[in-house]
Amino acid sequence: MASFGRFIRLAFGVCTLLLLTMAAPASAQQVNPTASAVKEQQLLQELNRIQGRVSIPDQRSGVLEQPQGREWREFRMVTLPWIGGVAIIGMIALIMIFYLTRGMVRLESGRSGRTIVRFNGFERFVHWMTATCFIILAISGLNVTFGRQLLLPLIGFEAFSEWSQWAKYAHNYLSFPFTLGVVLIFLMWIGGNIPSKVDIEWAKRGGGLIGHDHPPANRFNGGQKMIYWIVVIGGGLVAASGYALMFPFYGTGIESMQMAQIVHSIVAVLFVAAMIGHIYIGTIGMEGAFAAMGSGEVDVNWAREHHSLWLDEQMARTGPNDGQRQPATAAAE
């Protein structure tokens, strides 16, 4: 009888132990659906990054959210439109104020009727190729930043979608001749665009835009040299960052792609603003300036007022003619 009692107690203890062992995992697996461990906010705050595992070769696709992405979106949707708007509208406003107060910079000594070659055919071809590509690139690029806000309400979804698709094609393909043009401009004119003391004096005297002063200048004055370096450096930056965006993730990560877009967009809108000023001076801003890139020849009096040192150098090459300037076209190159 005593042995039977011991057997009963032993069996009861074993059953109790088994029940406790089975109950422990069950209680450990219970999850409170309202616990902070499963709240979305806690997931977002954990390293500010949501990342999982994927079976495809590109493991970067497993990143669903990361802090730089939110910062990049804020830049693209808010900061960039402000930078672009202030730069471009500000430049247009300055031009309008300058034009209303100063007007066109006139040729004070009048036209002499004699011309001198300023840019040869190859130089003009490179300039116009680059300029044409730039204008199309600028319009199609600005569509990305401002098109949805400004153009979409005017033409509707279908037309805007069609326009944006063709603008993207033009933007991508015309980037190649534009880049080639920037490289050629750099090589063609680097010798005449090294800053010098003459440029400092030119800037101090207002570059001939303020008042009626005509400071001496070489083939390229201080303002033209500034435009040259904006084209070379700015064009180089937009090309390099643009190709990184055109061929994504070739040696770059997500953060690098976002940085490339930031550099590309900021430099591009500032580039556009600077070129608006350049276009103004080269057309309605200064009498006789357009002929330099139009026919390639400028009036001798224009050259004397705006590039006197260059004119003297060219006349010294051709030789004097009874103390007078060459009555026919003189070669500049």
C-alpha atoms as a PDB file:
ATOM      1  CA  MET A   1       0.000   0.000   0.000  1.00  0.00           C
ATOM      2  CA  ALA A   2       2.850   2.375   0.818  1.00  0.00           C
ATOM      3  CA  SER A   3       4.478   1.528  -2.469  1.00  0.00           C
ATOM      4  CA  PHE A   4       1.254   2.334  -4.300  1.00  0.00           C
ATOM      5  CA  GLY A   5       1.106   5.725  -2.563  1.00  0.00           C
ATOM      6  CA  ARG A   6       4.641   6.542  -3.585  1.00  0.00           C
ATOM      7  CA  PHE A   7       3.795   5.597  -7.170  1.00  0.00           C
ATOM      8  CA  ILE A   8       0.785   7.914  -7.157  1.00  0.00           C
ATOM      9  CA  ARG A   9       2.865  10.842  -5.839  1.00  0.00           C
ATOM     10  CA  LEU A  10       5.595  10.185  -8.417  1.00  0.00           C
ATOM     11  CA  ALA A  11       3.097  10.062 -11.263  1.00  0.00           C
ATOM     12  CA  PHE A  12       1.450  13.280 -10.042  1.00  0.00           C
ATOM     13  CA  GLY A  13       4.823  15.058  -9.962  1.00  0.00           C
ATOM     14  CA  VAL A  14       5.735  13.954 -13.459  1.00  0.00           C
ATOM     15  CA  CYS A  15       2.385  15.120 -14.815  1.00  0.00           C
ATOM     16  CA  THR A  16       2.773  18.493 -13.138  1.00  0.00           C
ATOM     17  CA  LEU A  17       6.268  18.915 -14.574  1.00  0.00           C
ATOM     18  CA  LEU A  18       5.041  18.062 -18.067  1.00  0.00           C
ATOM     19  CA  LEU A  19       2.178  20.570 -17.816  1.00  0.00           C
ATOM     20  CA  LEU A  20       4.549  23.339 -16.715  1.00  0.00           C
ATOM     21  CA  THR A  21       6.967  22.560 -19.564  1.00  0.00           C
ATOM     22  CA  MET A  22       4.206  22.702 -22.179  1.00  0.00           C
ATOM     23  CA  ALA A  23       2.670  25.880 -20.774  1.00  0.00           C
ATOM     24  CA  ALA A  24       5.921  27.875 -20.728  1.00  0.00           C
ATOM     25  CA  PRO A  25       6.438  28.128 -24.544  1.00  0.00           C
ATOM     26  CA  ALA A  26       2.786  28.882 -25.054  1.00  0.00           C
ATOM     27  CA  SER A  27       2.908  31.799 -22.664  1.00  0.00           C
ATOM     28  CA  ALA A  28       6.198  33.018 -24.185  1.00  0.00           C
ATOM     29  CA  GLN A  29       4.677  33.093 -27.671  1.00  0.00           C
ATOM     30  CA  GLN A  30       1.776  35.302 -26.663  1.00  0.00           C
ATOM     31  CA  VAL A  31       2.147  38.790 -28.205  1.00  0.00           C
ATOM     32  CA  ASN A  32       0.346  41.881 -27.109  1.00  0.00           C
ATOM     33  CA  PRO A  33      -0.848  43.510 -30.334  1.00  0.00           C
ATOM     34  CA  THR A  34      -0.676  46.911 -28.688  1.00  0.00           C
ATOM     35  CA  ALA A  35       2.855  46.476 -27.354  1.00  0.00           C
ATOM     36  CA  SER A  36       5.437  49.062 -28.466  1.00  0.00           C
ATOM     37  CA  ALA A  37       7.551  46.325 -30.060  1.00  0.00           C
ATOM     38  CA  VAL A  38       5.110  45.996 -32.936  1.00  0.00           C
ATOM     39  CA  LYS A  39       4.202  49.659 -33.326  1.00  0.00           C
ATOM     40  CA  GLU A  40       5.212  51.278 -36.628  1.00  0.00           C
ATOM     41  CA  GLN A  41       6.686  54.280 -34.884  1.00  0.00           C
ATOM     42  CA  GLN A  42       9.166  52.128 -32.995  1.00  0.00           C
ATOM     43  CA  LEU A  43      10.175  50.423 -36.253  1.00  0.00           C
ATOM     44  CA  LEU A  44      10.786  53.813 -37.853  1.00  0.00           C
ATOM     45  CA  GLN A  45      12.845  54.981 -34.902  1.00  0.00           C
ATOM     46  CA  GLU A  46      15.069  51.915 -34.884  1.00  0.00           C
ATOM     47  CA  LEU A  47      18.102  53.298 -36.713  1.00  0.00           C
ATOM     48  CA  ASN A  48      15.595  55.281 -38.833  1.00  0.00           C
ATOM     49  CA  ARG A  49      15.761  52.434 -41.311  1.00  0.00           C
ATOM     50  CA  ILE A  50      13.478  49.627 -42.464  1.00  0.00           C
ATOM     51  CA  GLN A  51      15.376  46.871 -44.219  1.00  0.00           C
ATOM     52  CA  GLY A  52      14.630  43.243 -44.994  1.00  0.00           C
ATOM     53  CA  ARG A  53      16.090  40.322 -46.898  1.00  0.00           C
ATOM     54  CA  VAL A  54      15.402  39.689 -50.581  1.00  0.00           C
ATOM     55  CA  SER A  55      16.123  36.700 -52.802  1.00  0.00           C
ATOM     56  CA  ILE A  56      17.139  38.675 -55.912  1.00  0.00           C
ATOM     57  CA  PRO A  57      20.811  39.561 -56.535  1.00  0.00           C
ATOM     58  CA  ASP A  58      20.329  43.288 -55.876  1.00  0.00           C
ATOM     59  CA  GLN A  59      20.319  43.347 -52.087  1.00  0.00           C
ATOM     60  CA  ARG A  60      19.802  47.131 -52.070  1.00  0.00           C
ATOM     61  CA  SER A  61      16.180  46.548 -53.017  1.00  0.00           C
ATOM     62  CA  GLY A  62      15.628  45.224 -49.519  1.00  0.00           C
ATOM     63  CA  VAL A  63      15.846  48.760 -48.106  1.00  0.00           C
ATOM     64  CA  LEU A  64      12.285  50.013 -47.785  1.00  0.00           C
ATOM     65  CA  GLU A  65      12.961  53.229 -45.912  1.00  0.00           C
ATOM     66  CA  GLN A  66      16.040  55.079 -44.724  1.00  0.00           C
ATOM     67  CA  PRO A  67      16.549  58.562 -43.249  1.00  0.00           C
ATOM     68  CA  GLN A  68      18.370  60.050 -46.251  1.00  0.00           C
ATOM     69  CA  GLY A  69      15.368  59.160 -48.386  1.00  0.00           C
ATOM     70  CA  ARG A  70      13.056  61.325 -46.308  1.00  0.00           C
ATOM     71  CA  GLU A  71      15.577  64.166 -46.338  1.00  0.00           C
ATOM     72  CA  TRP A  72      16.002  63.821 -50.111  1.00  0.00           C
ATOM     73  CA  ARG A  73      12.239  63.939 -50.657  1.00  0.00           C
ATOM     74  CA  GLU A  74      11.989  67.102 -48.549  1.00  0.00           C
ATOM     75  CA  PHE A  75      14.772  68.652 -50.627  1.00  0.00           C
ATOM     76  CA  ARG A  76      13.215  67.685 -53.960  1.00  0.00           C
ATOM     77  CA  MET A  77       9.668  68.749 -53.093  1.00  0.00           C
ATOM     78  CA  VAL A  78      10.343  71.895 -51.038  1.00  0.00           C
ATOM     79  CA  THR A  79      13.948  73.136 -50.981  1.00  0.00           C
ATOM     80  CA  LEU A  80      14.823  72.733 -54.664  1.00  0.00           C
ATOM     81  CA  PRO A  81      11.787  74.624 -56.018  1.00  0.00           C
ATOM     82  CA  TRP A  82      12.654  77.502 -53.705  1.00  0.00           C
ATOM     83  CA  ILE A  83      16.304  77.559 -54.808  1.00  0.00           C
ATOM     84  CA  GLY A  84      15.370  77.356 -58.471  1.00  0.00           C
ATOM     85  CA  GLY A  85      12.584  79.890 -58.208  1.00  0.00           C
ATOM     86  CA  VAL A  86      14.676  82.457 -56.362  1.00  0.00           C
ATOM     87  CA  ALA A  87      17.658  82.028 -58.718  1.00  0.00           C
ATOM     88  CA  ILE A  88      15.764  82.149 -62.011  1.00  0.00           C
ATOM     89  CA  ILE A  89      13.091  84.695 -61.116  1.00  0.00           C
ATOM     90  CA  GLY A  90      15.721  86.769 -59.329  1.00  0.00           C
ATOM     91  CA  MET A  91      17.917  86.854 -62.436  1.00  0.00           C
ATOM     92  CA  ILE A  92      14.979  87.842 -64.639  1.00  0.00           C
ATOM     93  CA  ALA A  93      14.053  90.592 -62.181  1.00  0.00           C
ATOM     94  CA  LEU A  94      17.617  91.945 -62.165  1.00  0.00           C
ATOM     95  CA  ILE A  95      17.682  91.973 -65.957  1.00  0.00           C
ATOM     96  CA  MET A  96      14.390  93.858 -66.121  1.00  0.00           C
ATOM     97  CA  ILE A  97      15.591  96.429 -63.602  1.00  0.00           C
ATOM     98  CA  PHE A  98      18.879  96.842 -65.478  1.00  0.00           C
ATOM     99  CA  TYR A  99      17.132  97.193 -68.815  1.00  0.00           C
ATOM    100  CA  LEU A 100      14.636  99.747 -67.516  1.00  0.00           C
ATOM    101  CA  THR A 101      17.345 101.838 -65.856  1.00  0.00           C
ATOM    102  CA  ARG A 102      20.297 101.404 -68.240  1.00  0.00           C
ATOM    103  CA  GLY A 103      18.736 100.148 -71.431  1.00  0.00           C
ATOM    104  CA  MET A 104      20.767  98.597 -74.200  1.00  0.00           C
ATOM    105  CA  VAL A 105      24.484  99.267 -73.994  1.00  0.00           C
ATOM    106  CA  ARG A 106      24.838 101.302 -77.168  1.00  0.00           C
ATOM    107  CA  LEU A 107      27.812 101.580 -79.463  1.00  0.00           C
ATOM    108  CA  GLU A 108      28.766 105.153 -78.582  1.00  0.00           C
ATOM    109  CA  SER A 109      31.188 105.756 -81.454  1.00  0.00           C
ATOM    110  CA  GLY A 110      28.748 104.377 -84.031  1.00  0.00           C
ATOM    111  CA  ARG A 111      29.471 101.705 -86.599  1.00  0.00           C
ATOM    112  CA  SER A 112      32.615 102.124 -88.674  1.00  0.00           C
ATOM    113  CA  GLY A 113      31.478  99.881 -91.504  1.00  0.00           C
ATOM    114  CA  ARG A 114      34.621  97.787 -91.108  1.00  0.00           C
ATOM    115  CA  THR A 115      34.595  94.403 -89.426  1.00  0.00           C
ATOM    116  CA  ILE A 116      37.051  92.017 -87.859  1.00  0.00           C
ATOM    117  CA  VAL A 117      36.687  88.283 -87.407  1.00  0.00           C
ATOM    118  CA  ARG A 118      36.044  87.443 -83.792  1.00  0.00           C
ATOM    119  CA  PHE A 119      35.069  83.763 -83.935  1.00  0.00           C
ATOM    120  CA  ASN A 120      35.717  81.353 -86.771  1.00  0.00           C
ATOM    121  CA  GLY A 121      33.229  78.851 -88.165  1.00  0.00           C
ATOM    122  CA  PHE A 122      34.247  75.934 -85.963  1.00  0.00           C
ATOM    123  CA  GLU A 123      34.028  78.019 -82.795  1.00  0.00           C
ATOM    124  CA  ARG A 124      30.542  79.217 -83.703  1.00  0.00           C
ATOM    125  CA  PHE A 125      29.414  75.680 -84.543  1.00  0.00           C
ATOM    126  CA  VAL A 126      30.552  74.392 -81.140  1.00  0.00           C
ATOM    127  CA  HIS A 127      28.928  77.346 -79.385  1.00  0.00           C
ATOM    128  CA  TRP A 128      25.555  76.936 -81.092  1.00  0.00           C
ATOM    129  CA  MET A 129      25.538  73.158 -80.721  1.00  0.00           C
ATOM    130  CA  THR A 130      26.176  73.474 -76.999  1.00  0.00           C
ATOM    131  CA  ALA A 131      23.726  76.355 -76.628  1.00  0.00           C
ATOM    132  CA  THR A 132      20.927  74.545 -78.470  1.00  0.00           C
ATOM    133  CA  CYS A 133      21.396  71.402 -76.409  1.00  0.00           C
ATOM    134  CA  PHE A 134      21.522  73.479 -73.233  1.00  0.00           C
ATOM    135  CA  ILE A 135      18.218  75.211 -73.949  1.00  0.00           C
ATOM    136  CA  ILE A 136      16.440  71.890 -74.545  1.00  0.00           C
ATOM    137  CA  LEU A 137      18.104  70.339 -71.505  1.00  0.00           C
ATOM    138  CA  ALA A 138      17.106  73.325 -69.375  1.00  0.00           C
ATOM    139  CA  ILE A 139      13.452  73.252 -70.442  1.00  0.00           C
ATOM    140  CA  SER A 140      13.116  69.479 -70.065  1.00  0.00           C
ATOM    141  CA  GLY A 141      14.982  69.523 -66.749  1.00  0.00           C
ATOM    142  CA  LEU A 142      12.915  72.331 -65.277  1.00  0.00           C
ATOM    143  CA  ASN A 143       9.837  70.305 -66.198  1.00  0.00           C
ATOM    144  CA  VAL A 144      10.860  67.756 -63.550  1.00  0.00           C
ATOM    145  CA  THR A 145      10.949  70.394 -60.821  1.00  0.00           C
ATOM    146  CA  PHE A 146       8.183  72.790 -61.838  1.00  0.00           C
ATOM    147  CA  GLY A 147       6.129  70.995 -64.483  1.00  0.00           C
ATOM    148  CA  ARG A 148       3.683  69.300 -62.153  1.00  0.00           C
ATOM    149  CA  GLN A 149       2.885  72.552 -60.364  1.00  0.00           C
ATOM    150  CA  LEU A 150       2.891  74.932 -63.345  1.00  0.00           C
ATOM    151  CA  LEU A 151       2.272  72.993 -66.553  1.00  0.00           C
ATOM    152  CA  LEU A 152       0.028  70.113 -65.519  1.00  0.00           C
ATOM    153  CA  PRO A 153      -2.948  72.313 -64.507  1.00  0.00           C
ATOM    154  CA  LEU A 154      -2.766  74.070 -67.906  1.00  0.00           C
ATOM    155  CA  ILE A 155      -2.576  71.137 -70.330  1.00  0.00           C
ATOM    156  CA  GLY A 156      -4.043  68.216 -68.374  1.00  0.00           C
ATOM    157  CA  PHE A 157      -2.752  64.800 -67.386  1.00  0.00           C
ATOM    158  CA  GLU A 158      -2.621  63.127 -70.797  1.00  0.00           C
ATOM    159  CA  ALA A 159      -0.766  65.936 -72.587  1.00  0.00           C
ATOM    160  CA  PHE A 160       1.557  66.437 -69.634  1.00  0.00           C
ATOM    161  CA  SER A 161       2.407  62.735 -69.567  1.00  0.00           C
ATOM    162  CA  GLU A 162       3.183  62.713 -73.299  1.00  0.00           C
ATOM    163  CA  TRP A 163       5.249  65.898 -73.049  1.00  0.00           C
ATOM    164  CA  SER A 164       7.198  64.631 -70.022  1.00  0.00           C
ATOM    165  CA  GLN A 165       8.046  61.366 -71.759  1.00  0.00           C
ATOM    166  CA  TRP A 166       9.470  63.103 -74.835  1.00  0.00           C
ATOM    167  CA  ALA A 167      11.218  65.644 -72.615  1.00  0.00           C
ATOM    168  CA  LYS A 168      12.931  62.789 -70.795  1.00  0.00           C
ATOM    169  CA  TYR A 169      14.134  61.262 -74.060  1.00  0.00           C
ATOM    170  CA  ALA A 170      15.453  64.616 -75.261  1.00  0.00           C
ATOM    171  CA  HIS A 171      17.123  65.267 -71.911  1.00  0.00           C
ATOM    172  CA  ASN A 172      18.935  61.944 -71.927  1.00  0.00           C
ATOM    173  CA  TYR A 173      20.117  61.848 -75.534  1.00  0.00           C
ATOM    174  CA  LEU A 174      21.065  65.516 -75.934  1.00  0.00           C
ATOM    175  CA  SER A 175      23.268  65.279 -72.864  1.00  0.00           C
ATOM    176  CA  PHE A 176      25.943  63.624 -75.016  1.00  0.00           C
ATOM    177  CA  PRO A 177      26.452  66.437 -77.596  1.00  0.00           C
ATOM    178  CA  PHE A 178      26.153  68.955 -74.756  1.00  0.00           C
ATOM    179  CA  THR A 179      28.976  67.260 -72.857  1.00  0.00           C
ATOM    180  CA  LEU A 180      31.065  67.130 -76.019  1.00  0.00           C
ATOM    181  CA  GLY A 181      30.442  70.846 -76.514  1.00  0.00           C
ATOM    182  CA  VAL A 182      31.558  71.663 -72.976  1.00  0.00           C
ATOM    183  CA  VAL A 183      34.780  69.701 -73.494  1.00  0.00           C
ATOM    184  CA  LEU A 184      35.477  71.472 -76.805  1.00  0.00           C
ATOM    185  CA  ILE A 185      34.738  74.890 -75.289  1.00  0.00           C
ATOM    186  CA  PHE A 186      37.183  74.133 -72.506  1.00  0.00           C
ATOM    187  CA  LEU A 187      39.912  73.129 -74.949  1.00  0.00           C
ATOM    188  CA  MET A 188      39.276  75.926 -77.488  1.00  0.00           C
ATOM    189  CA  TRP A 189      39.217  78.889 -75.151  1.00  0.00           C
ATOM    190  CA  ILE A 190      41.189  77.930 -72.058  1.00  0.00           C
ATOM    191  CA  GLY A 191      44.157  80.016 -73.213  1.00  0.00           C
ATOM    192  CA  GLY A 192      42.134  83.224 -73.339  1.00  0.00           C
ATOM    193  CA  ASN A 193      40.204  82.696 -70.111  1.00  0.00           C
ATOM    194  CA  ILE A 194      42.925  82.623 -67.478  1.00  0.00           C
ATOM    195  CA  PRO A 195      42.121  85.454 -64.997  1.00  0.00           C
ATOM    196  CA  SER A 196      44.545  88.379 -64.986  1.00  0.00           C
ATOM    197  CA  LYS A 197      45.006  91.829 -63.457  1.00  0.00           C
ATOM    198  CA  VAL A 198      43.253  93.324 -66.462  1.00  0.00           C
ATOM    199  CA  ASP A 199      40.064  91.565 -65.367  1.00  0.00           C
ATOM    200  CA  ILE A 200      40.282  93.063 -61.886  1.00  0.00           C
ATOM    201  CA  GLU A 201      40.526  96.564 -63.312  1.00  0.00           C
ATOM    202  CA  TRP A 202      37.704  95.747 -65.745  1.00  0.00           C
ATOM    203  CA  ALA A 203      35.468  94.704 -62.842  1.00  0.00           C
ATOM    204  CA  LYS A 204      36.359  97.780 -60.780  1.00  0.00           C
ATOM    205  CA  ARG A 205      35.218 100.013 -63.642  1.00  0.00           C
ATOM    206  CA  GLY A 206      31.911  98.216 -64.042  1.00  0.00           C
ATOM    207  CA  GLY A 207      32.857  96.304 -67.157  1.00  0.00           C
ATOM    208  CA  GLY A 208      31.418  98.950 -69.426  1.00  0.00           C
ATOM    209  CA  LEU A 209      27.893  98.168 -68.237  1.00  0.00           C
ATOM    210  CA  ILE A 210      27.762 100.945 -65.651  1.00  0.00           C
ATOM    211  CA  GLY A 211      28.001 104.486 -66.955  1.00  0.00           C
ATOM    212  CA  HIS A 212      29.788 105.078 -70.239  1.00  0.00           C
ATOM    213  CA  ASP A 213      33.219 103.806 -69.338  1.00  0.00           C
ATOM    214  CA  HIS A 214      34.997 101.335 -71.621  1.00  0.00           C
ATOM    215  CA  PRO A 215      37.754  99.579 -69.656  1.00  0.00           C
ATOM    216  CA  PRO A 216      40.364  97.761 -71.744  1.00  0.00           C
ATOM    217  CA  ALA A 217      39.963  94.011 -72.146  1.00  0.00           C
ATOM    218  CA  ASN A 218      41.572  91.156 -73.999  1.00  0.00           C
ATOM    219  CA  ARG A 219      39.694  88.788 -76.291  1.00  0.00           C
ATOM    220  CA  PHE A 220      37.575  87.713 -73.314  1.00  0.00           C
ATOM    221  CA  ASN A 221      36.775  90.265 -70.616  1.00  0.00           C
ATOM    222  CA  GLY A 222      36.215  89.501 -66.948  1.00  0.00           C
ATOM    223  CA  GLY A 223      32.503  88.836 -67.368  1.00  0.00           C
ATOM    224  CA  GLN A 224      33.044  86.475 -70.286  1.00  0.00           C
ATOM    225  CA  LYS A 225      35.698  84.612 -68.352  1.00  0.00           C
ATOM    226  CA  MET A 226      33.248  84.145 -65.506  1.00  0.00           C
ATOM    227  CA  ILE A 227      30.695  82.713 -67.947  1.00  0.00           C
ATOM    228  CA  TYR A 228      33.380  80.461 -69.410  1.00  0.00           C
ATOM    229  CA  TRP A 229      34.194  78.911 -66.042  1.00  0.00           C
ATOM    230  CA  ILE A 230      30.513  78.592 -65.169  1.00  0.00           C
ATOM    231  CA  VAL A 231      30.032  76.622 -68.392  1.00  0.00           C
ATOM    232  CA  VAL A 232      33.117  74.462 -67.871  1.00  0.00           C
ATOM    233  CA  ILE A 233      32.699  73.732 -64.156  1.00  0.00           C
ATOM    234  CA  GLY A 234      28.906  73.807 -64.070  1.00  0.00           C
ATOM    235  CA  GLY A 235      28.622  71.808 -67.275  1.00  0.00           C
ATOM    236  CA  GLY A 236      31.102  69.260 -65.974  1.00  0.00           C
ATOM    237  CA  LEU A 237      29.194  68.819 -62.717  1.00  0.00           C
ATOM    238  CA  VAL A 238      25.772  68.448 -64.328  1.00  0.00           C
ATOM    239  CA  ALA A 239      27.215  65.994 -66.866  1.00  0.00           C
ATOM    240  CA  ALA A 240      28.944  63.812 -64.276  1.00  0.00           C
ATOM    241  CA  SER A 241      26.001  63.786 -61.873  1.00  0.00           C
ATOM    242  CA  GLY A 242      23.550  63.363 -64.738  1.00  0.00           C
ATOM    243  CA  TYR A 243      25.283  60.252 -66.060  1.00  0.00           C
ATOM    244  CA  ALA A 244      25.275  58.801 -62.554  1.00  0.00           C
ATOM    245  CA  LEU A 245      21.494  59.243 -62.581  1.00  0.00           C
ATOM    246  CA  MET A 246      21.121  57.960 -66.150  1.00  0.00           C
ATOM    247  CA  PHE A 247      23.021  54.755 -65.334  1.00  0.00           C
ATOM    248  CA  PRO A 248      21.926  54.123 -61.728  1.00  0.00           C
ATOM    249  CA  PHE A 249      23.765  51.934 -59.236  1.00  0.00           C
ATOM    250  CA  TYR A 250      26.849  51.383 -61.379  1.00  0.00           C
ATOM    251  CA  GLY A 251      29.264  51.587 -58.481  1.00  0.00           C
ATOM    252  CA  THR A 252      26.908  53.797 -56.470  1.00  0.00           C
ATOM    253  CA  GLY A 253      24.541  53.119 -53.601  1.00  0.00           C
ATOM    254  CA  ILE A 254      21.222  54.682 -52.694  1.00  0.00           C
ATOM    255  CA  GLU A 255      22.837  57.501 -50.735  1.00  0.00           C
ATOM    256  CA  SER A 256      25.219  58.254 -53.634  1.00  0.00           C
ATOM    257  CA  MET A 257      22.312  58.390 -56.070  1.00  0.00           C
ATOM    258  CA  GLN A 258      20.490  60.859 -53.846  1.00  0.00           C
ATOM    259  CA  MET A 259      23.601  63.032 -53.575  1.00  0.00           C
ATOM    260  CA  ALA A 260      24.039  62.949 -57.362  1.00  0.00           C
ATOM    261  CA  GLN A 261      20.470  64.185 -57.811  1.00  0.00           C
ATOM    262  CA  ILE A 262      20.984  66.988 -55.308  1.00  0.00           C
ATOM    263  CA  VAL A 263      24.207  68.149 -56.993  1.00  0.00           C
ATOM    264  CA  HIS A 264      22.675  67.831 -60.466  1.00  0.00           C
ATOM    265  CA  SER A 265      19.567  69.839 -59.648  1.00  0.00           C
ATOM    266  CA  ILE A 266      21.215  72.646 -57.663  1.00  0.00           C
ATOM    267  CA  VAL A 267      23.996  73.216 -60.195  1.00  0.00           C
ATOM    268  CA  ALA A 268      21.488  73.002 -63.053  1.00  0.00           C
ATOM    269  CA  VAL A 269      19.111  75.694 -61.779  1.00  0.00           C
ATOM    270  CA  LEU A 270      22.018  78.030 -60.963  1.00  0.00           C
ATOM    271  CA  PHE A 271      23.459  77.277 -64.405  1.00  0.00           C
ATOM    272  CA  VAL A 272      20.145  78.212 -66.020  1.00  0.00           C
ATOM    273  CA  ALA A 273      20.005  81.487 -64.088  1.00  0.00           C
ATOM    274  CA  ALA A 274      23.548  82.424 -65.160  1.00  0.00           C
ATOM    275  CA  MET A 275      22.840  81.585 -68.803  1.00  0.00           C
ATOM    276  CA  ILE A 276      19.739  83.791 -68.793  1.00  0.00           C
ATOM    277  CA  GLY A 277      22.024  86.713 -67.954  1.00  0.00           C
ATOM    278  CA  HIS A 278      24.491  85.628 -70.639  1.00  0.00           C
ATOM    279  CA  ILE A 279      21.755  85.406 -73.272  1.00  0.00           C
ATOM    280  CA  TYR A 280      20.496  88.868 -72.358  1.00  0.00           C
ATOM    281  CA  ILE A 281      23.904  90.518 -72.741  1.00  0.00           C
ATOM    282  CA  GLY A 282      24.557  88.684 -75.997  1.00  0.00           C
ATOM    283  CA  THR A 283      21.270  89.783 -77.603  1.00  0.00           C
ATOM    284  CA  ILE A 284      19.263  92.837 -76.565  1.00  0.00           C
ATOM    285  CA  GLY A 285      21.574  93.860 -73.738  1.00  0.00           C
ATOM    286  CA  MET A 286      24.482  95.081 -75.837  1.00  0.00           C
ATOM    287  CA  GLU A 287      24.421  96.534 -79.329  1.00  0.00           C
ATOM    288  CA  GLY A 288      26.568  94.596 -81.769  1.00  0.00           C
ATOM    289  CA  ALA A 289      27.295  91.699 -79.425  1.00  0.00           C
ATOM    290  CA  PHE A 290      25.169  89.108 -81.222  1.00  0.00           C
ATOM    291  CA  ALA A 291      27.172  89.485 -84.423  1.00  0.00           C
ATOM    292  CA  ALA A 292      30.189  87.914 -82.709  1.00  0.00           C
ATOM    293  CA  MET A 293      28.439  84.533 -82.652  1.00  0.00           C
ATOM    294  CA  GLY A 294      26.067  85.283 -85.511  1.00  0.00           C
ATOM    295  CA  SER A 295      28.260  86.092 -88.489  1.00  0.00           C
ATOM    296  CA  GLY A 296      31.492  85.744 -86.533  1.00  0.00           C
ATOM    297  CA  GLU A 297      32.507  89.323 -87.361  1.00  0.00           C
ATOM    298  CA  VAL A 298      32.153  92.434 -85.231  1.00  0.00           C
ATOM    299  CA  ASP A 299      32.419  96.099 -86.080  1.00  0.00           C
ATOM    300  CA  VAL A 300      35.849  97.557 -85.427  1.00  0.00           C
ATOM    301  CA  ASN A 301      34.379 100.298 -83.232  1.00  0.00           C
ATOM    302  CA  TRP A 302      32.595  97.655 -81.157  1.00  0.00           C
ATOM    303  CA  ALA A 303      35.869  95.800 -80.692  1.00  0.00           C
ATOM    304  CA  ARG A 304      37.627  99.038 -79.765  1.00  0.00           C
ATOM    305  CA  GLU A 305      35.063  99.878 -77.060  1.00  0.00           C
ATOM    306  CA  HIS A 306      34.761  96.425 -75.495  1.00  0.00           C
ATOM    307  CA  HIS A 307      37.994  94.552 -76.319  1.00  0.00           C
ATOM    308  CA  SER A 308      40.564  97.218 -77.092  1.00  0.00           C
ATOM    309  CA  LEU A 309      43.624  95.149 -76.072  1.00  0.00           C
ATOM    310  CA  TRP A 310      42.524  92.288 -78.310  1.00  0.00           C
ATOM    311  CA  LEU A 311      41.842  94.667 -81.197  1.00  0.00           C
ATOM    312  CA  ASP A 312      45.301  96.234 -80.882  1.00  0.00           C
ATOM    313  CA  GLU A 313      46.852  92.776 -80.942  1.00  0.00           C
ATOM    314  CA  GLN A 314      44.946  91.799 -84.091  1.00  0.00           C
ATOM    315  CA  MET A 315      45.778  95.063 -85.861  1.00  0.00           C
ATOM    316  CA  ALA A 316      49.436  94.628 -84.998  1.00  0.00           C
ATOM    317  CA  ARG A 317      49.352  91.267 -86.756  1.00  0.00           C
ATOM    318  CA  THR A 318      47.804  92.656 -89.930  1.00  0.00           C
ATOM    319  CA  GLY A 319      49.977  95.764 -89.993  1.00  0.00           C
ATOM    320  CA  PRO A 320      49.021  99.463 -90.239  1.00  0.00           C
ATOM    321  CA  ASN A 321      47.408 101.040 -93.284  1.00  0.00           C
ATOM    322  CA  ASP A 322      48.362 104.709 -93.369  1.00  0.00           C
ATOM    323  CA  GLY A 323      47.487 104.987 -89.695  1.00  0.00           C
ATOM    324  CA  GLN A 324      43.982 103.721 -90.308  1.00  0.00           C
ATOM    325  CA  ARG A 325      42.277 100.509 -89.239  1.00  0.00           C
ATOM    326  CA  GLN A 326      41.980  97.800 -91.833  1.00  0.00           C
ATOM    327  CA  PRO A 327      39.118  98.722 -94.158  1.00  0.00           C
ATOM    328  CA  ALA A 328      38.415  95.088 -94.911  1.00  0.00           C
ATOM    329  CA  THR A 329      37.876  92.112 -92.652  1.00  0.00           C
ATOM    330  CA  ALA A 330      40.928  91.307 -90.595  1.00  0.00           C
ATOM    331  CA  ALA A 331      41.583  87.770 -89.486  1.00  0.00           C
ATOM    332  CA  ALA A 332      41.455  87.190 -85.760  1.00  0.00           C
ATOM    333  CA  GLU A 333      42.746  83.714 -85.768  1.00  0.00           C
END
